[in-house]
Amino acid sequence: MANYKSVEVTAADASPGEKMMNIGHIKSAEFSYVTLGSEAATEYIEAVRIPVGSQVVGYTVVTTGTFGTGAALGIGVTAGGVEVVASIDVAADGTDTAFVVPTTASAGSVWIEFVDVGDGNASDTIDGCIYYI
């Protein structure tokens, strides 16, 4: 299984520091990922790194491209483990946002799972924000 990373995680690997901002007590970490077209179902993108022990409380995901019928993403605090949200429908371009039951990111990373990639192509985009406290 391949390891994929968002633009921000790739940049952090090269030079520490992420774009984060505070909204009251809720913090946010942005991510951006451009698909390769080779991602398969149940593969993961490390979207953001947040402090270990942070509680993920929400997300925003914006998709553009041709993901295809039935395409879906999941968000979790471990790759293949604890999910924050199980199935975000990305078959049509658009925005999905929600606040969720707080979930601890014990490993300090938040992952996007390709639940079902449909007919994904190279250069589709997944952008968004993870909200945490």
C-alpha atoms as a PDB file:
ATOM      1  CA  MET A   1       0.000   0.000   0.000  1.00  0.00           C
ATOM      2  CA  ALA A   2       1.339   3.413  -0.942  1.00  0.00           C
ATOM      3  CA  ASN A   3       1.790   6.289   1.494  1.00  0.00           C
ATOM      4  CA  TYR A   4       0.225   9.565   0.364  1.00  0.00           C
ATOM      5  CA  LYS A   5       0.574  12.962   2.025  1.00  0.00           C
ATOM      6  CA  SER A   6      -1.140  16.320   1.662  1.00  0.00           C
ATOM      7  CA  VAL A   7       0.771  19.321   0.334  1.00  0.00           C
ATOM      8  CA  GLU A   8       1.095  20.631   3.903  1.00  0.00           C
ATOM      9  CA  VAL A   9       2.472  17.394   5.399  1.00  0.00           C
ATOM     10  CA  THR A  10       4.945  17.058   2.522  1.00  0.00           C
ATOM     11  CA  ALA A  11       6.112  20.638   3.109  1.00  0.00           C
ATOM     12  CA  ALA A  12       6.339  20.054   6.884  1.00  0.00           C
ATOM     13  CA  ASP A  13       8.577  17.059   6.248  1.00  0.00           C
ATOM     14  CA  ALA A  14      10.875  19.332   4.245  1.00  0.00           C
ATOM     15  CA  SER A  15      10.596  22.343   6.573  1.00  0.00           C
ATOM     16  CA  PRO A  16       8.763  22.190   9.945  1.00  0.00           C
ATOM     17  CA  GLY A  17       5.701  24.383  10.451  1.00  0.00           C
ATOM     18  CA  GLU A  18       2.085  24.226   9.346  1.00  0.00           C
ATOM     19  CA  LYS A  19      -0.512  26.841   8.532  1.00  0.00           C
ATOM     20  CA  MET A  20      -2.805  26.938  11.529  1.00  0.00           C
ATOM     21  CA  MET A  21      -5.048  29.637  12.930  1.00  0.00           C
ATOM     22  CA  ASN A  22      -7.070  30.031  16.085  1.00  0.00           C
ATOM     23  CA  ILE A  23     -10.815  30.707  16.104  1.00  0.00           C
ATOM     24  CA  GLY A  24     -11.546  31.263  19.781  1.00  0.00           C
ATOM     25  CA  HIS A  25     -10.650  28.007  21.514  1.00  0.00           C
ATOM     26  CA  ILE A  26     -11.061  25.990  18.330  1.00  0.00           C
ATOM     27  CA  LYS A  27      -7.948  25.667  16.203  1.00  0.00           C
ATOM     28  CA  SER A  28      -7.795  24.713  12.559  1.00  0.00           C
ATOM     29  CA  ALA A  29      -5.278  23.045  10.292  1.00  0.00           C
ATOM     30  CA  GLU A  30      -5.693  23.283   6.519  1.00  0.00           C
ATOM     31  CA  PHE A  31      -4.849  20.604   3.985  1.00  0.00           C
ATOM     32  CA  SER A  32      -4.706  20.248   0.229  1.00  0.00           C
ATOM     33  CA  TYR A  33      -4.197  17.109  -1.846  1.00  0.00           C
ATOM     34  CA  VAL A  34      -4.072  16.612  -5.600  1.00  0.00           C
ATOM     35  CA  THR A  35      -4.866  13.044  -6.601  1.00  0.00           C
ATOM     36  CA  LEU A  36      -2.496  10.952  -8.670  1.00  0.00           C
ATOM     37  CA  GLY A  37      -5.286   8.843 -10.155  1.00  0.00           C
ATOM     38  CA  SER A  38      -3.672   5.663  -8.824  1.00  0.00           C
ATOM     39  CA  GLU A  39      -5.156   5.763  -5.310  1.00  0.00           C
ATOM     40  CA  ALA A  40      -7.203   2.693  -4.448  1.00  0.00           C
ATOM     41  CA  ALA A  41     -10.004   2.184  -1.945  1.00  0.00           C
ATOM     42  CA  THR A  42      -8.783   1.936   1.662  1.00  0.00           C
ATOM     43  CA  GLU A  43      -5.628   3.950   1.002  1.00  0.00           C
ATOM     44  CA  TYR A  44      -4.883   6.959   3.190  1.00  0.00           C
ATOM     45  CA  ILE A  45      -3.560  10.495   2.906  1.00  0.00           C
ATOM     46  CA  GLU A  46      -1.913  12.004   5.963  1.00  0.00           C
ATOM     47  CA  ALA A  47      -3.824  15.292   5.774  1.00  0.00           C
ATOM     48  CA  VAL A  48      -2.561  17.252   8.797  1.00  0.00           C
ATOM     49  CA  ARG A  49      -0.460  16.897  11.898  1.00  0.00           C
ATOM     50  CA  ILE A  50      -1.903  18.329  15.090  1.00  0.00           C
ATOM     51  CA  PRO A  51      -0.657  18.166  18.690  1.00  0.00           C
ATOM     52  CA  VAL A  52      -0.879  14.691  20.223  1.00  0.00           C
ATOM     53  CA  GLY A  53      -3.956  14.464  22.444  1.00  0.00           C
ATOM     54  CA  SER A  54      -5.902  17.135  20.548  1.00  0.00           C
ATOM     55  CA  GLN A  55      -9.616  16.533  20.135  1.00  0.00           C
ATOM     56  CA  VAL A  56     -10.857  16.673  16.528  1.00  0.00           C
ATOM     57  CA  VAL A  57     -14.244  18.434  16.660  1.00  0.00           C
ATOM     58  CA  GLY A  58     -15.060  19.090  13.005  1.00  0.00           C
ATOM     59  CA  TYR A  59     -13.984  19.242   9.406  1.00  0.00           C
ATOM     60  CA  THR A  60     -14.558  20.890   6.054  1.00  0.00           C
ATOM     61  CA  VAL A  61     -13.796  19.032   2.823  1.00  0.00           C
ATOM     62  CA  VAL A  62     -14.024  20.642  -0.618  1.00  0.00           C
ATOM     63  CA  THR A  63     -13.606  18.450  -3.700  1.00  0.00           C
ATOM     64  CA  THR A  64     -13.216  19.325  -7.358  1.00  0.00           C
ATOM     65  CA  GLY A  65     -12.676  16.972 -10.251  1.00  0.00           C
ATOM     66  CA  THR A  66     -14.268  13.800 -11.541  1.00  0.00           C
ATOM     67  CA  PHE A  67     -14.317  11.399  -8.614  1.00  0.00           C
ATOM     68  CA  GLY A  68     -17.148   9.372 -10.139  1.00  0.00           C
ATOM     69  CA  THR A  69     -20.349   7.761  -8.891  1.00  0.00           C
ATOM     70  CA  GLY A  70     -20.162   6.328  -5.406  1.00  0.00           C
ATOM     71  CA  ALA A  71     -16.844   7.990  -4.541  1.00  0.00           C
ATOM     72  CA  ALA A  72     -16.487   8.607  -0.813  1.00  0.00           C
ATOM     73  CA  LEU A  73     -13.882   9.698   1.707  1.00  0.00           C
ATOM     74  CA  GLY A  74     -13.506   9.059   5.417  1.00  0.00           C
ATOM     75  CA  ILE A  75     -11.631  11.045   8.061  1.00  0.00           C
ATOM     76  CA  GLY A  76      -9.839   9.355  10.929  1.00  0.00           C
ATOM     77  CA  VAL A  77      -7.311  10.009  13.662  1.00  0.00           C
ATOM     78  CA  THR A  78      -5.365   6.883  12.699  1.00  0.00           C
ATOM     79  CA  ALA A  79      -4.842   5.266   9.310  1.00  0.00           C
ATOM     80  CA  GLY A  80      -7.312   2.395   9.344  1.00  0.00           C
ATOM     81  CA  GLY A  81      -8.332   2.963  12.959  1.00  0.00           C
ATOM     82  CA  VAL A  82     -10.572   5.425  14.780  1.00  0.00           C
ATOM     83  CA  GLU A  83     -12.818   7.312  12.356  1.00  0.00           C
ATOM     84  CA  VAL A  84     -14.190  10.798  12.886  1.00  0.00           C
ATOM     85  CA  VAL A  85     -16.554  10.463   9.928  1.00  0.00           C
ATOM     86  CA  ALA A  86     -17.057   7.287   7.928  1.00  0.00           C
ATOM     87  CA  SER A  87     -18.352   8.303   4.518  1.00  0.00           C
ATOM     88  CA  ILE A  88     -18.227  11.721   2.868  1.00  0.00           C
ATOM     89  CA  ASP A  89     -19.942  11.577  -0.527  1.00  0.00           C
ATOM     90  CA  VAL A  90     -17.618  13.206  -3.070  1.00  0.00           C
ATOM     91  CA  ALA A  91     -19.269  11.904  -6.242  1.00  0.00           C
ATOM     92  CA  ALA A  92     -20.321  15.477  -7.015  1.00  0.00           C
ATOM     93  CA  ASP A  93     -17.997  18.438  -6.503  1.00  0.00           C
ATOM     94  CA  GLY A  94     -18.828  20.464  -3.473  1.00  0.00           C
ATOM     95  CA  THR A  95     -18.325  21.161   0.185  1.00  0.00           C
ATOM     96  CA  ASP A  96     -19.058  18.922   3.145  1.00  0.00           C
ATOM     97  CA  THR A  97     -18.646  20.357   6.623  1.00  0.00           C
ATOM     98  CA  ALA A  98     -19.719  19.256  10.079  1.00  0.00           C
ATOM     99  CA  PHE A  99     -18.900  19.372  13.745  1.00  0.00           C
ATOM    100  CA  VAL A 100     -18.486  15.901  15.242  1.00  0.00           C
ATOM    101  CA  VAL A 101     -18.200  14.174  18.604  1.00  0.00           C
ATOM    102  CA  PRO A 102     -14.689  15.055  19.863  1.00  0.00           C
ATOM    103  CA  THR A 103     -12.211  12.315  18.965  1.00  0.00           C
ATOM    104  CA  THR A 104      -8.661  12.199  20.349  1.00  0.00           C
ATOM    105  CA  ALA A 105      -5.796  12.264  17.873  1.00  0.00           C
ATOM    106  CA  SER A 106      -3.485  10.170  20.020  1.00  0.00           C
ATOM    107  CA  ALA A 107      -0.849   9.855  17.285  1.00  0.00           C
ATOM    108  CA  GLY A 108      -1.009  13.522  16.267  1.00  0.00           C
ATOM    109  CA  SER A 109      -2.098  13.012  12.648  1.00  0.00           C
ATOM    110  CA  VAL A 110      -5.451  13.148  10.888  1.00  0.00           C
ATOM    111  CA  TRP A 111      -5.938  10.933   7.851  1.00  0.00           C
ATOM    112  CA  ILE A 112      -8.230  11.008   4.836  1.00  0.00           C
ATOM    113  CA  GLU A 113      -9.288   7.557   3.649  1.00  0.00           C
ATOM    114  CA  PHE A 114     -10.305   6.744   0.095  1.00  0.00           C
ATOM    115  CA  VAL A 115     -13.402   4.728   1.033  1.00  0.00           C
ATOM    116  CA  ASP A 116     -14.428   4.288  -2.609  1.00  0.00           C
ATOM    117  CA  VAL A 117     -12.521   6.133  -5.319  1.00  0.00           C
ATOM    118  CA  GLY A 118     -15.108   5.680  -8.063  1.00  0.00           C
ATOM    119  CA  ASP A 119     -13.596   6.888 -11.323  1.00  0.00           C
ATOM    120  CA  GLY A 120     -10.989   9.206  -9.811  1.00  0.00           C
ATOM    121  CA  ASN A 121      -8.503  10.810 -12.139  1.00  0.00           C
ATOM    122  CA  ALA A 122      -5.172  12.494 -11.725  1.00  0.00           C
ATOM    123  CA  SER A 123      -5.456  16.162 -10.715  1.00  0.00           C
ATOM    124  CA  ASP A 124      -8.735  15.889  -8.770  1.00  0.00           C
ATOM    125  CA  THR A 125      -8.406  18.000  -5.621  1.00  0.00           C
ATOM    126  CA  ILE A 126      -9.314  17.477  -1.993  1.00  0.00           C
ATOM    127  CA  ASP A 127      -8.957  20.617   0.109  1.00  0.00           C
ATOM    128  CA  GLY A 128     -10.169  21.279   3.576  1.00  0.00           C
ATOM    129  CA  CYS A 129      -9.696  22.052   7.195  1.00  0.00           C
ATOM    130  CA  ILE A 130      -9.654  19.992  10.382  1.00  0.00           C
ATOM    131  CA  TYR A 131     -10.991  21.755  13.508  1.00  0.00           C
ATOM    132  CA  TYR A 132      -9.640  20.725  16.886  1.00  0.00           C
ATOM    133  CA  ILE A 133      -9.258  21.786  20.504  1.00  0.00           C
END
